[in-house]
Amino acid sequence: MSDKFTNNVRARLYKQGYQGFTKDDYTTAALAVECDDLDNPTKEQLSQAVDYLREKTSNRLSVIDEPVEETFLVGAEDGEPEVESNQLTVAEPENQIVLTDLEKQALVADIAQGAGIELKAADVKQITVSIASTFASRKELNEAIFNALVHFAREFKNQEVSKIRRKADEIRQTLAEMDDVAGSELTQIKQAMEATALDYKSQFADLALSFAGIID
């Protein structure tokens, strides 16, 4: 499993158009920038490692103008095409881009971080599931990562909206139940008051009749 130092350096180099480094290259770079903890590199160490490997690549691809050795001229005298010196040192880059799951996760995390988006490890893995492993160009790869991030953001928004709606429904239900209870209690109070009023009215009527009998 790759460490954080290797993943971040590889992602930064890839964004700058550099690839094809081996595990030994990254180990050498870590030693060169004195990064002892590969899972907790500093930003300065990452930047220094990128510069180191870029310089190493430049040294690999540099062409030294030297006289062509006599051995290469033998074929030319026999009628065979002469081989140019730069063809012996510079290899043609591969058209296809093939990434492992860890490399995809490192690219997603690096691009999201550059955009100011903090993602959990589980979120990064979820995003990379929908990203292919082979691309015809870097543009195609960048578009795939961008679309995956946009899709993740929309899904996250929909989930949060659903949570808010569920909470709102719970609140409305609770208020409705409170209204039912309050309405029932008010009805009972009203009925009790009406019964009391009728009782007083009946008592007053009986008292009035009593007074009427006394007066008569």
N, C-alpha and C. Protein backbone atom coordinates (compact mmCIF):
# COMPACT_ATOMS: atom_id res chain seq x y z
N MET A 1 0.85 -1.19 0.00
CA MET A 1 0.00 0.00 0.00
C MET A 1 0.88 1.24 0.00
N SER A 2 0.55 2.20 -0.85
CA SER A 2 1.35 3.42 -0.93
C SER A 2 1.13 4.28 0.30
N ASP A 3 2.13 5.06 0.63
CA ASP A 3 2.03 5.96 1.77
C ASP A 3 1.56 7.33 1.30
N LYS A 4 1.29 8.20 2.25
CA LYS A 4 0.78 9.53 1.94
C LYS A 4 1.80 10.35 1.17
N PHE A 5 3.06 10.20 1.49
CA PHE A 5 4.11 10.94 0.78
C PHE A 5 4.12 10.57 -0.70
N THR A 6 4.13 9.28 -0.99
CA THR A 6 4.17 8.82 -2.38
C THR A 6 2.93 9.26 -3.15
N ASN A 7 1.73 9.10 -2.53
CA ASN A 7 0.49 9.45 -3.21
C ASN A 7 0.43 10.92 -3.56
N ASN A 8 0.82 11.78 -2.62
CA ASN A 8 0.74 13.22 -2.85
C ASN A 8 1.77 13.68 -3.88
N VAL A 9 2.98 13.16 -3.79
CA VAL A 9 4.02 13.54 -4.75
C VAL A 9 3.64 13.06 -6.14
N ARG A 10 3.12 11.82 -6.25
CA ARG A 10 2.72 11.29 -7.55
C ARG A 10 1.61 12.14 -8.17
N ALA A 11 0.61 12.53 -7.33
CA ALA A 11 -0.51 13.33 -7.83
C ALA A 11 -0.04 14.70 -8.33
N ARG A 12 0.86 15.33 -7.58
CA ARG A 12 1.36 16.65 -7.98
C ARG A 12 2.16 16.56 -9.27
N LEU A 13 2.98 15.54 -9.38
CA LEU A 13 3.77 15.36 -10.59
C LEU A 13 2.88 15.09 -11.79
N TYR A 14 1.84 14.30 -11.58
CA TYR A 14 0.94 13.96 -12.68
C TYR A 14 0.24 15.21 -13.20
N LYS A 15 -0.18 16.10 -12.29
CA LYS A 15 -0.85 17.34 -12.70
C LYS A 15 0.08 18.23 -13.50
N GLN A 16 1.38 18.09 -13.30
CA GLN A 16 2.36 18.89 -14.03
C GLN A 16 2.86 18.17 -15.29
N GLY A 17 2.32 16.97 -15.56
CA GLY A 17 2.67 16.26 -16.78
C GLY A 17 3.82 15.29 -16.63
N TYR A 18 4.18 14.93 -15.40
CA TYR A 18 5.28 13.98 -15.17
C TYR A 18 4.71 12.68 -14.63
N GLN A 19 5.16 11.55 -15.18
CA GLN A 19 4.73 10.24 -14.69
C GLN A 19 5.79 9.21 -15.05
N GLY A 20 5.54 7.97 -14.59
CA GLY A 20 6.47 6.89 -14.90
C GLY A 20 7.53 6.66 -13.84
N PHE A 21 7.38 7.25 -12.65
CA PHE A 21 8.37 7.07 -11.59
C PHE A 21 8.13 5.74 -10.87
N THR A 22 9.19 5.16 -10.38
CA THR A 22 9.11 3.89 -9.65
C THR A 22 9.06 4.15 -8.15
N LYS A 23 8.78 3.07 -7.42
CA LYS A 23 8.77 3.17 -5.96
C LYS A 23 10.14 3.59 -5.43
N ASP A 24 11.19 3.10 -6.06
CA ASP A 24 12.55 3.48 -5.65
C ASP A 24 12.78 4.97 -5.84
N ASP A 25 12.19 5.55 -6.91
CA ASP A 25 12.34 6.99 -7.14
C ASP A 25 11.73 7.78 -5.99
N TYR A 26 10.54 7.37 -5.56
CA TYR A 26 9.88 8.09 -4.46
C TYR A 26 10.65 7.90 -3.15
N THR A 27 11.19 6.70 -2.95
CA THR A 27 11.99 6.45 -1.75
C THR A 27 13.23 7.33 -1.74
N THR A 28 13.88 7.43 -2.90
CA THR A 28 15.07 8.28 -3.01
C THR A 28 14.71 9.74 -2.75
N ALA A 29 13.56 10.17 -3.28
CA ALA A 29 13.13 11.55 -3.06
C ALA A 29 12.86 11.82 -1.58
N ALA A 30 12.24 10.84 -0.91
CA ALA A 30 11.96 11.01 0.53
C ALA A 30 13.26 11.15 1.32
N LEU A 31 14.26 10.37 0.96
CA LEU A 31 15.55 10.46 1.63
C LEU A 31 16.22 11.81 1.33
N ALA A 32 16.04 12.28 0.09
CA ALA A 32 16.68 13.53 -0.31
C ALA A 32 16.12 14.73 0.44
N VAL A 33 14.81 14.70 0.73
CA VAL A 33 14.19 15.84 1.43
C VAL A 33 14.09 15.59 2.93
N GLU A 34 14.69 14.46 3.39
CA GLU A 34 14.74 14.12 4.82
C GLU A 34 13.35 13.96 5.41
N CYS A 35 12.49 13.23 4.69
CA CYS A 35 11.14 12.95 5.19
C CYS A 35 11.17 11.59 5.88
N ASP A 36 11.22 11.60 7.20
CA ASP A 36 11.31 10.36 7.98
C ASP A 36 9.95 9.69 8.14
N ASP A 37 8.88 10.48 8.26
CA ASP A 37 7.54 9.92 8.44
C ASP A 37 6.77 10.06 7.13
N LEU A 38 6.69 8.98 6.36
CA LEU A 38 6.07 9.04 5.03
C LEU A 38 4.57 9.23 5.09
N ASP A 39 3.95 8.98 6.23
CA ASP A 39 2.51 9.18 6.34
C ASP A 39 2.14 10.57 6.86
N ASN A 40 3.14 11.35 7.24
CA ASN A 40 2.89 12.71 7.73
C ASN A 40 3.92 13.69 7.17
N PRO A 41 4.01 13.79 5.83
CA PRO A 41 4.97 14.73 5.25
C PRO A 41 4.47 16.17 5.37
N THR A 42 5.41 17.12 5.42
CA THR A 42 5.03 18.52 5.41
C THR A 42 4.85 19.00 3.98
N LYS A 43 4.18 20.13 3.81
CA LYS A 43 3.98 20.68 2.47
C LYS A 43 5.33 21.05 1.83
N GLU A 44 6.25 21.52 2.66
CA GLU A 44 7.57 21.89 2.14
C GLU A 44 8.31 20.66 1.63
N GLN A 45 8.22 19.55 2.37
CA GLN A 45 8.87 18.32 1.94
C GLN A 45 8.26 17.79 0.64
N LEU A 46 6.94 17.91 0.50
CA LEU A 46 6.28 17.47 -0.73
C LEU A 46 6.73 18.30 -1.92
N SER A 47 6.81 19.62 -1.72
CA SER A 47 7.24 20.50 -2.81
C SER A 47 8.69 20.23 -3.19
N GLN A 48 9.54 20.00 -2.20
CA GLN A 48 10.94 19.72 -2.48
C GLN A 48 11.09 18.38 -3.22
N ALA A 49 10.26 17.39 -2.84
CA ALA A 49 10.32 16.08 -3.49
C ALA A 49 9.89 16.19 -4.96
N VAL A 50 8.86 17.00 -5.22
CA VAL A 50 8.41 17.21 -6.60
C VAL A 50 9.52 17.85 -7.43
N ASP A 51 10.15 18.88 -6.88
CA ASP A 51 11.25 19.54 -7.59
C ASP A 51 12.40 18.57 -7.84
N TYR A 52 12.67 17.73 -6.86
CA TYR A 52 13.77 16.78 -6.97
C TYR A 52 13.52 15.79 -8.12
N LEU A 53 12.31 15.23 -8.17
CA LEU A 53 12.01 14.25 -9.21
C LEU A 53 11.87 14.90 -10.59
N ARG A 54 11.39 16.14 -10.64
CA ARG A 54 11.35 16.85 -11.92
C ARG A 54 12.75 17.06 -12.45
N GLU A 55 13.66 17.45 -11.56
CA GLU A 55 15.05 17.64 -11.97
C GLU A 55 15.67 16.32 -12.42
N LYS A 56 15.31 15.25 -11.72
CA LYS A 56 15.83 13.93 -12.07
C LYS A 56 15.34 13.52 -13.46
N THR A 57 14.06 13.85 -13.76
CA THR A 57 13.51 13.54 -15.08
C THR A 57 14.22 14.34 -16.17
N SER A 58 14.48 15.60 -15.87
CA SER A 58 15.17 16.45 -16.85
C SER A 58 16.55 15.90 -17.16
N ASN A 59 17.22 15.39 -16.15
CA ASN A 59 18.56 14.82 -16.35
C ASN A 59 18.49 13.54 -17.19
N ARG A 60 17.39 12.76 -16.99
CA ARG A 60 17.23 11.53 -17.76
C ARG A 60 17.02 11.82 -19.24
N LEU A 61 16.24 12.88 -19.54
CA LEU A 61 15.85 13.15 -20.91
C LEU A 61 16.78 14.12 -21.64
N SER A 62 17.79 14.64 -20.95
CA SER A 62 18.68 15.60 -21.60
C SER A 62 19.53 14.89 -22.65
N VAL A 63 19.75 15.56 -23.76
CA VAL A 63 20.51 14.99 -24.86
C VAL A 63 21.86 15.70 -24.94
N ILE A 64 22.91 14.95 -24.88
CA ILE A 64 24.26 15.52 -24.91
C ILE A 64 24.76 15.49 -26.34
N ASP A 65 25.14 16.64 -26.82
CA ASP A 65 25.67 16.73 -28.19
C ASP A 65 27.10 16.24 -28.21
N GLU A 66 27.28 15.01 -28.69
CA GLU A 66 28.61 14.41 -28.79
C GLU A 66 28.79 13.88 -30.20
N PRO A 67 30.03 13.75 -30.67
CA PRO A 67 30.27 13.17 -32.00
C PRO A 67 29.74 11.75 -32.06
N VAL A 68 29.16 11.40 -33.20
CA VAL A 68 28.62 10.05 -33.37
C VAL A 68 29.78 9.08 -33.47
N GLU A 69 29.70 8.01 -32.70
CA GLU A 69 30.77 7.03 -32.71
C GLU A 69 30.84 6.31 -34.05
N GLU A 70 32.00 5.81 -34.35
CA GLU A 70 32.24 5.19 -35.65
C GLU A 70 31.38 3.95 -35.84
N THR A 71 31.03 3.27 -34.76
CA THR A 71 30.25 2.04 -34.88
C THR A 71 28.89 2.30 -35.49
N PHE A 72 28.32 3.51 -35.27
CA PHE A 72 27.02 3.84 -35.81
C PHE A 72 27.09 4.17 -37.30
N LEU A 73 28.30 4.45 -37.80
CA LEU A 73 28.45 4.82 -39.20
C LEU A 73 28.58 3.61 -40.11
N VAL A 74 28.82 2.47 -39.54
CA VAL A 74 28.99 1.27 -40.35
C VAL A 74 27.71 0.94 -41.08
N GLY A 75 26.59 1.02 -40.38
CA GLY A 75 25.31 0.73 -41.00
C GLY A 75 24.99 1.70 -42.10
N ALA A 76 25.36 2.98 -41.91
CA ALA A 76 25.08 3.99 -42.93
C ALA A 76 25.83 3.69 -44.21
N GLU A 77 27.07 3.20 -44.11
CA GLU A 77 27.86 2.88 -45.30
C GLU A 77 27.27 1.72 -46.05
N ASP A 78 26.55 0.82 -45.35
CA ASP A 78 25.93 -0.33 -45.99
C ASP A 78 24.58 0.01 -46.60
N GLY A 79 24.18 1.28 -46.50
CA GLY A 79 22.90 1.67 -47.08
C GLY A 79 21.76 1.69 -46.10
N GLU A 80 21.99 1.35 -44.81
CA GLU A 80 20.95 1.37 -43.79
C GLU A 80 20.79 2.78 -43.27
N PRO A 81 19.58 3.19 -42.89
CA PRO A 81 19.37 4.56 -42.38
C PRO A 81 20.16 4.79 -41.10
N GLU A 82 20.67 5.98 -40.99
CA GLU A 82 21.46 6.34 -39.82
C GLU A 82 20.55 6.60 -38.62
N VAL A 83 20.91 6.09 -37.47
CA VAL A 83 20.12 6.27 -36.26
C VAL A 83 20.57 7.54 -35.56
N GLU A 84 19.61 8.46 -35.32
CA GLU A 84 19.94 9.70 -34.65
C GLU A 84 20.13 9.46 -33.16
N SER A 85 21.02 10.25 -32.58
CA SER A 85 21.36 10.04 -31.17
C SER A 85 20.19 10.31 -30.26
N ASN A 86 19.31 11.31 -30.59
CA ASN A 86 18.20 11.61 -29.69
C ASN A 86 17.16 10.51 -29.69
N GLN A 87 17.11 9.71 -30.78
CA GLN A 87 16.18 8.59 -30.80
C GLN A 87 16.61 7.48 -29.85
N LEU A 88 17.87 7.49 -29.45
CA LEU A 88 18.35 6.46 -28.55
C LEU A 88 18.11 6.81 -27.09
N THR A 89 17.83 8.08 -26.81
CA THR A 89 17.72 8.49 -25.41
C THR A 89 16.32 8.90 -25.00
N VAL A 90 15.48 9.35 -25.97
CA VAL A 90 14.15 9.83 -25.63
C VAL A 90 13.11 8.81 -26.08
N ALA A 91 12.31 8.32 -25.17
CA ALA A 91 11.28 7.34 -25.50
C ALA A 91 9.95 8.05 -25.74
N GLU A 92 9.15 7.51 -26.63
CA GLU A 92 7.84 8.08 -26.92
C GLU A 92 6.90 7.79 -25.75
N PRO A 93 6.17 8.79 -25.27
CA PRO A 93 5.25 8.55 -24.15
C PRO A 93 4.07 7.70 -24.57
N GLU A 94 3.54 6.92 -23.66
CA GLU A 94 2.38 6.09 -23.95
C GLU A 94 1.14 6.97 -24.03
N ASN A 95 0.21 6.61 -24.92
CA ASN A 95 -0.99 7.40 -25.10
C ASN A 95 -1.99 7.19 -23.96
N GLN A 96 -2.15 5.95 -23.56
CA GLN A 96 -3.13 5.65 -22.53
C GLN A 96 -2.60 5.96 -21.13
N ILE A 97 -3.53 6.36 -20.26
CA ILE A 97 -3.21 6.60 -18.85
C ILE A 97 -3.91 5.53 -18.02
N VAL A 98 -3.14 4.74 -17.32
CA VAL A 98 -3.69 3.66 -16.50
C VAL A 98 -3.37 3.95 -15.03
N LEU A 99 -4.41 3.96 -14.20
CA LEU A 99 -4.26 4.29 -12.78
C LEU A 99 -4.75 3.16 -11.90
N THR A 100 -4.08 2.99 -10.77
CA THR A 100 -4.55 2.06 -9.75
C THR A 100 -5.59 2.76 -8.88
N ASP A 101 -6.27 1.99 -8.03
CA ASP A 101 -7.27 2.58 -7.13
C ASP A 101 -6.62 3.60 -6.19
N LEU A 102 -5.44 3.30 -5.68
CA LEU A 102 -4.76 4.22 -4.78
C LEU A 102 -4.37 5.51 -5.49
N GLU A 103 -3.95 5.40 -6.75
CA GLU A 103 -3.59 6.59 -7.52
C GLU A 103 -4.82 7.46 -7.78
N LYS A 104 -5.94 6.82 -8.08
CA LYS A 104 -7.18 7.58 -8.29
C LYS A 104 -7.60 8.28 -7.00
N GLN A 105 -7.49 7.58 -5.88
CA GLN A 105 -7.86 8.19 -4.60
C GLN A 105 -6.95 9.38 -4.28
N ALA A 106 -5.66 9.24 -4.59
CA ALA A 106 -4.73 10.34 -4.33
C ALA A 106 -5.06 11.55 -5.19
N LEU A 107 -5.42 11.33 -6.45
CA LEU A 107 -5.77 12.43 -7.34
C LEU A 107 -7.05 13.12 -6.88
N VAL A 108 -8.05 12.34 -6.50
CA VAL A 108 -9.32 12.92 -6.04
C VAL A 108 -9.10 13.75 -4.78
N ALA A 109 -8.35 13.21 -3.82
CA ALA A 109 -8.08 13.92 -2.58
C ALA A 109 -7.29 15.20 -2.84
N ASP A 110 -6.32 15.14 -3.75
CA ASP A 110 -5.48 16.30 -4.04
C ASP A 110 -6.28 17.39 -4.74
N ILE A 111 -7.10 17.02 -5.73
CA ILE A 111 -7.91 18.00 -6.45
C ILE A 111 -8.96 18.62 -5.53
N ALA A 112 -9.59 17.80 -4.70
CA ALA A 112 -10.59 18.32 -3.76
C ALA A 112 -9.96 19.27 -2.76
N GLN A 113 -8.77 18.91 -2.27
CA GLN A 113 -8.07 19.78 -1.33
C GLN A 113 -7.70 21.11 -1.99
N GLY A 114 -7.29 21.05 -3.25
CA GLY A 114 -6.96 22.27 -3.97
C GLY A 114 -8.16 23.17 -4.16
N ALA A 115 -9.36 22.59 -4.21
CA ALA A 115 -10.59 23.36 -4.36
C ALA A 115 -11.17 23.78 -3.01
N GLY A 116 -10.48 23.44 -1.91
CA GLY A 116 -10.95 23.82 -0.58
C GLY A 116 -12.02 22.90 -0.03
N ILE A 117 -12.08 21.66 -0.53
CA ILE A 117 -13.09 20.69 -0.08
C ILE A 117 -12.41 19.64 0.79
N GLU A 118 -12.89 19.49 2.01
CA GLU A 118 -12.34 18.49 2.92
C GLU A 118 -13.16 17.20 2.80
N LEU A 119 -12.51 16.11 2.42
CA LEU A 119 -13.20 14.83 2.25
C LEU A 119 -12.66 13.80 3.23
N LYS A 120 -13.56 12.96 3.73
CA LYS A 120 -13.13 11.83 4.56
C LYS A 120 -12.61 10.72 3.66
N ALA A 121 -11.84 9.81 4.25
CA ALA A 121 -11.29 8.70 3.47
C ALA A 121 -12.40 7.87 2.83
N ALA A 122 -13.50 7.67 3.57
CA ALA A 122 -14.63 6.90 3.03
C ALA A 122 -15.26 7.62 1.85
N ASP A 123 -15.33 8.97 1.92
CA ASP A 123 -15.89 9.74 0.81
C ASP A 123 -15.02 9.61 -0.44
N VAL A 124 -13.70 9.66 -0.25
CA VAL A 124 -12.78 9.55 -1.39
C VAL A 124 -12.96 8.20 -2.08
N LYS A 125 -13.05 7.13 -1.29
CA LYS A 125 -13.24 5.80 -1.87
C LYS A 125 -14.56 5.70 -2.61
N GLN A 126 -15.61 6.30 -2.04
CA GLN A 126 -16.93 6.28 -2.68
C GLN A 126 -16.90 7.01 -4.02
N ILE A 127 -16.17 8.12 -4.08
CA ILE A 127 -16.09 8.91 -5.32
C ILE A 127 -15.34 8.14 -6.40
N THR A 128 -14.24 7.49 -6.03
CA THR A 128 -13.40 6.82 -7.03
C THR A 128 -14.03 5.56 -7.60
N VAL A 129 -15.10 5.05 -6.96
CA VAL A 129 -15.75 3.85 -7.47
C VAL A 129 -16.28 4.08 -8.89
N SER A 130 -16.79 5.30 -9.14
CA SER A 130 -17.40 5.60 -10.45
C SER A 130 -16.38 6.06 -11.48
N ILE A 131 -15.09 6.16 -11.10
CA ILE A 131 -14.06 6.63 -12.02
C ILE A 131 -13.35 5.44 -12.65
N ALA A 132 -13.23 5.47 -13.98
CA ALA A 132 -12.55 4.39 -14.68
C ALA A 132 -11.06 4.37 -14.35
N SER A 133 -10.38 3.33 -14.77
CA SER A 133 -8.94 3.20 -14.49
C SER A 133 -8.08 3.51 -15.70
N THR A 134 -8.67 3.57 -16.89
CA THR A 134 -7.91 3.83 -18.11
C THR A 134 -8.50 5.02 -18.86
N PHE A 135 -7.63 5.94 -19.28
CA PHE A 135 -8.07 7.14 -19.98
C PHE A 135 -7.18 7.39 -21.19
N ALA A 136 -7.77 8.01 -22.19
CA ALA A 136 -7.03 8.29 -23.42
C ALA A 136 -6.16 9.53 -23.30
N SER A 137 -6.51 10.44 -22.37
CA SER A 137 -5.75 11.68 -22.21
C SER A 137 -5.94 12.21 -20.80
N ARG A 138 -5.07 13.16 -20.43
CA ARG A 138 -5.19 13.77 -19.11
C ARG A 138 -6.46 14.60 -19.01
N LYS A 139 -6.88 15.20 -20.13
CA LYS A 139 -8.12 15.98 -20.14
C LYS A 139 -9.31 15.10 -19.80
N GLU A 140 -9.34 13.92 -20.39
CA GLU A 140 -10.42 12.98 -20.11
C GLU A 140 -10.42 12.56 -18.65
N LEU A 141 -9.24 12.35 -18.09
CA LEU A 141 -9.13 11.98 -16.68
C LEU A 141 -9.62 13.10 -15.78
N ASN A 142 -9.20 14.34 -16.06
CA ASN A 142 -9.62 15.48 -15.23
C ASN A 142 -11.14 15.67 -15.29
N GLU A 143 -11.72 15.50 -16.46
CA GLU A 143 -13.17 15.63 -16.59
C GLU A 143 -13.89 14.54 -15.79
N ALA A 144 -13.35 13.33 -15.80
CA ALA A 144 -13.97 12.23 -15.05
C ALA A 144 -13.95 12.52 -13.54
N ILE A 145 -12.81 13.02 -13.05
CA ILE A 145 -12.70 13.34 -11.62
C ILE A 145 -13.63 14.50 -11.26
N PHE A 146 -13.67 15.52 -12.12
CA PHE A 146 -14.54 16.67 -11.86
C PHE A 146 -16.01 16.24 -11.81
N ASN A 147 -16.43 15.44 -12.78
CA ASN A 147 -17.82 14.98 -12.82
C ASN A 147 -18.15 14.14 -11.59
N ALA A 148 -17.20 13.32 -11.14
CA ALA A 148 -17.42 12.49 -9.96
C ALA A 148 -17.59 13.36 -8.71
N LEU A 149 -16.79 14.43 -8.61
CA LEU A 149 -16.90 15.34 -7.46
C LEU A 149 -18.23 16.09 -7.48
N VAL A 150 -18.66 16.53 -8.66
CA VAL A 150 -19.94 17.24 -8.78
C VAL A 150 -21.09 16.31 -8.40
N HIS A 151 -21.04 15.07 -8.88
CA HIS A 151 -22.09 14.09 -8.55
C HIS A 151 -22.14 13.84 -7.05
N PHE A 152 -20.96 13.72 -6.43
CA PHE A 152 -20.91 13.49 -4.98
C PHE A 152 -21.52 14.68 -4.24
N ALA A 153 -21.20 15.91 -4.67
CA ALA A 153 -21.72 17.11 -4.01
C ALA A 153 -23.24 17.18 -4.13
N ARG A 154 -23.77 16.82 -5.30
CA ARG A 154 -25.23 16.84 -5.48
C ARG A 154 -25.91 15.80 -4.60
N GLU A 155 -25.33 14.60 -4.54
CA GLU A 155 -25.90 13.56 -3.69
C GLU A 155 -25.88 13.97 -2.22
N PHE A 156 -24.77 14.60 -1.80
CA PHE A 156 -24.66 15.06 -0.42
C PHE A 156 -25.74 16.10 -0.13
N LYS A 157 -25.95 17.03 -1.08
CA LYS A 157 -26.97 18.07 -0.91
C LYS A 157 -28.35 17.44 -0.80
N ASN A 158 -28.66 16.48 -1.67
CA ASN A 158 -29.98 15.82 -1.64
C ASN A 158 -30.20 15.10 -0.31
N GLN A 159 -29.17 14.46 0.20
CA GLN A 159 -29.30 13.76 1.48
C GLN A 159 -29.58 14.74 2.61
N GLU A 160 -28.88 15.89 2.60
CA GLU A 160 -29.10 16.88 3.65
C GLU A 160 -30.49 17.47 3.56
N VAL A 161 -30.98 17.74 2.33
CA VAL A 161 -32.33 18.28 2.16
C VAL A 161 -33.36 17.27 2.66
N SER A 162 -33.14 15.99 2.37
CA SER A 162 -34.06 14.95 2.84
C SER A 162 -34.11 14.90 4.37
N LYS A 163 -32.94 15.05 5.00
CA LYS A 163 -32.90 15.06 6.47
C LYS A 163 -33.71 16.23 7.02
N ILE A 164 -33.56 17.42 6.41
CA ILE A 164 -34.28 18.61 6.88
C ILE A 164 -35.78 18.42 6.71
N ARG A 165 -36.19 17.83 5.57
CA ARG A 165 -37.61 17.60 5.34
C ARG A 165 -38.19 16.62 6.34
N ARG A 166 -37.43 15.57 6.67
CA ARG A 166 -37.92 14.60 7.66
C ARG A 166 -38.09 15.26 9.03
N LYS A 167 -37.13 16.11 9.41
CA LYS A 167 -37.24 16.82 10.68
C LYS A 167 -38.45 17.75 10.68
N ALA A 168 -38.67 18.43 9.56
CA ALA A 168 -39.82 19.34 9.47
C ALA A 168 -41.13 18.58 9.59
N ASP A 169 -41.22 17.39 8.97
CA ASP A 169 -42.43 16.57 9.08
C ASP A 169 -42.66 16.12 10.52
N GLU A 170 -41.56 15.77 11.21
CA GLU A 170 -41.69 15.37 12.61
C GLU A 170 -42.21 16.51 13.47
N ILE A 171 -41.70 17.72 13.19
CA ILE A 171 -42.14 18.89 13.97
C ILE A 171 -43.61 19.18 13.71
N ARG A 172 -44.03 19.13 12.43
CA ARG A 172 -45.43 19.38 12.10
C ARG A 172 -46.35 18.34 12.75
N GLN A 173 -45.92 17.08 12.74
CA GLN A 173 -46.71 16.02 13.36
C GLN A 173 -46.86 16.24 14.85
N THR A 174 -45.74 16.63 15.49
CA THR A 174 -45.78 16.89 16.93
C THR A 174 -46.72 18.05 17.26
N LEU A 175 -46.64 19.12 16.47
CA LEU A 175 -47.51 20.27 16.71
C LEU A 175 -48.98 19.90 16.51
N ALA A 176 -49.27 19.08 15.49
CA ALA A 176 -50.64 18.66 15.24
C ALA A 176 -51.18 17.85 16.41
N GLU A 177 -50.33 16.96 16.95
CA GLU A 177 -50.76 16.16 18.11
C GLU A 177 -51.00 17.05 19.32
N MET A 178 -50.15 18.08 19.47
CA MET A 178 -50.36 19.02 20.59
C MET A 178 -51.66 19.77 20.42
N ASP A 179 -51.98 20.16 19.18
CA ASP A 179 -53.23 20.87 18.93
C ASP A 179 -54.43 19.98 19.24
N ASP A 180 -54.33 18.69 18.90
CA ASP A 180 -55.42 17.76 19.18
C ASP A 180 -55.65 17.62 20.67
N VAL A 181 -54.55 17.49 21.42
CA VAL A 181 -54.67 17.36 22.87
C VAL A 181 -55.24 18.63 23.48
N ALA A 182 -54.70 19.78 23.02
CA ALA A 182 -55.17 21.06 23.56
C ALA A 182 -56.64 21.27 23.22
N GLY A 183 -57.02 20.92 21.98
CA GLY A 183 -58.43 21.09 21.58
C GLY A 183 -59.35 20.22 22.39
N SER A 184 -58.92 19.01 22.68
CA SER A 184 -59.74 18.10 23.48
C SER A 184 -59.91 18.64 24.89
N GLU A 185 -58.83 19.16 25.47
CA GLU A 185 -58.91 19.70 26.83
C GLU A 185 -59.80 20.94 26.88
N LEU A 186 -59.69 21.80 25.86
CA LEU A 186 -60.54 22.99 25.82
C LEU A 186 -62.02 22.62 25.69
N THR A 187 -62.30 21.58 24.90
CA THR A 187 -63.68 21.13 24.75
C THR A 187 -64.23 20.64 26.08
N GLN A 188 -63.41 19.88 26.81
CA GLN A 188 -63.85 19.39 28.10
C GLN A 188 -64.12 20.53 29.08
N ILE A 189 -63.23 21.53 29.05
CA ILE A 189 -63.41 22.69 29.95
C ILE A 189 -64.70 23.44 29.61
N LYS A 190 -64.93 23.62 28.28
CA LYS A 190 -66.13 24.33 27.84
C LYS A 190 -67.39 23.59 28.28
N GLN A 191 -67.37 22.25 28.10
CA GLN A 191 -68.53 21.46 28.50
C GLN A 191 -68.78 21.54 30.01
N ALA A 192 -67.68 21.51 30.78
CA ALA A 192 -67.83 21.61 32.24
C ALA A 192 -68.39 22.96 32.64
N MET A 193 -67.94 24.03 31.97
CA MET A 193 -68.43 25.38 32.29
C MET A 193 -69.90 25.51 31.92
N GLU A 194 -70.29 24.94 30.76
CA GLU A 194 -71.69 25.01 30.37
C GLU A 194 -72.57 24.23 31.35
N ALA A 195 -72.08 23.08 31.82
CA ALA A 195 -72.85 22.29 32.78
C ALA A 195 -73.01 23.05 34.09
N THR A 196 -71.92 23.72 34.51
CA THR A 196 -71.98 24.50 35.75
C THR A 196 -72.96 25.65 35.61
N ALA A 197 -72.94 26.30 34.43
CA ALA A 197 -73.86 27.41 34.20
C ALA A 197 -75.31 26.94 34.25
N LEU A 198 -75.59 25.79 33.65
CA LEU A 198 -76.96 25.26 33.69
C LEU A 198 -77.38 24.92 35.12
N ASP A 199 -76.42 24.40 35.89
CA ASP A 199 -76.73 24.06 37.27
C ASP A 199 -77.07 25.30 38.07
N TYR A 200 -76.27 26.36 37.88
CA TYR A 200 -76.55 27.63 38.57
C TYR A 200 -77.89 28.21 38.14
N LYS A 201 -78.16 28.09 36.85
CA LYS A 201 -79.43 28.63 36.33
C LYS A 201 -80.61 27.88 36.94
N SER A 202 -80.48 26.56 37.08
CA SER A 202 -81.55 25.76 37.66
C SER A 202 -81.76 26.12 39.13
N GLN A 203 -80.60 26.26 39.84
CA GLN A 203 -80.70 26.63 41.25
C GLN A 203 -81.34 28.01 41.42
N PHE A 204 -81.01 28.93 40.52
CA PHE A 204 -81.56 30.28 40.62
C PHE A 204 -83.06 30.26 40.37
N ALA A 205 -83.45 29.40 39.42
CA ALA A 205 -84.89 29.31 39.12
C ALA A 205 -85.65 28.75 40.32
N ASP A 206 -85.08 27.72 40.98
CA ASP A 206 -85.74 27.15 42.17
C ASP A 206 -85.82 28.17 43.29
N LEU A 207 -84.75 28.96 43.45
CA LEU A 207 -84.72 29.97 44.49
C LEU A 207 -85.74 31.06 44.20
N ALA A 208 -85.91 31.39 42.95
CA ALA A 208 -86.88 32.42 42.58
C ALA A 208 -88.29 31.96 42.88
N LEU A 209 -88.55 30.68 42.60
CA LEU A 209 -89.88 30.15 42.88
C LEU A 209 -90.17 30.15 44.39
N SER A 210 -89.12 29.84 45.16
CA SER A 210 -89.28 29.84 46.63
C SER A 210 -89.63 31.22 47.12
N PHE A 211 -88.92 32.22 46.62
CA PHE A 211 -89.19 33.61 47.03
C PHE A 211 -90.59 34.01 46.59
N ALA A 212 -90.99 33.55 45.45
CA ALA A 212 -92.32 33.91 44.95
C ALA A 212 -93.39 33.32 45.85
N GLY A 213 -93.19 32.13 46.39
CA GLY A 213 -94.16 31.52 47.29
C GLY A 213 -94.24 32.25 48.60
N ILE A 214 -93.09 32.73 49.07
CA ILE A 214 -93.08 33.47 50.35
C ILE A 214 -93.83 34.77 50.18
N ILE A 215 -93.57 35.42 49.06
CA ILE A 215 -94.21 36.72 48.86
C ILE A 215 -95.72 36.56 48.74
N ASP A 216 -96.16 35.47 48.07
CA ASP A 216 -97.59 35.25 47.96
C ASP A 216 -98.18 34.94 49.33
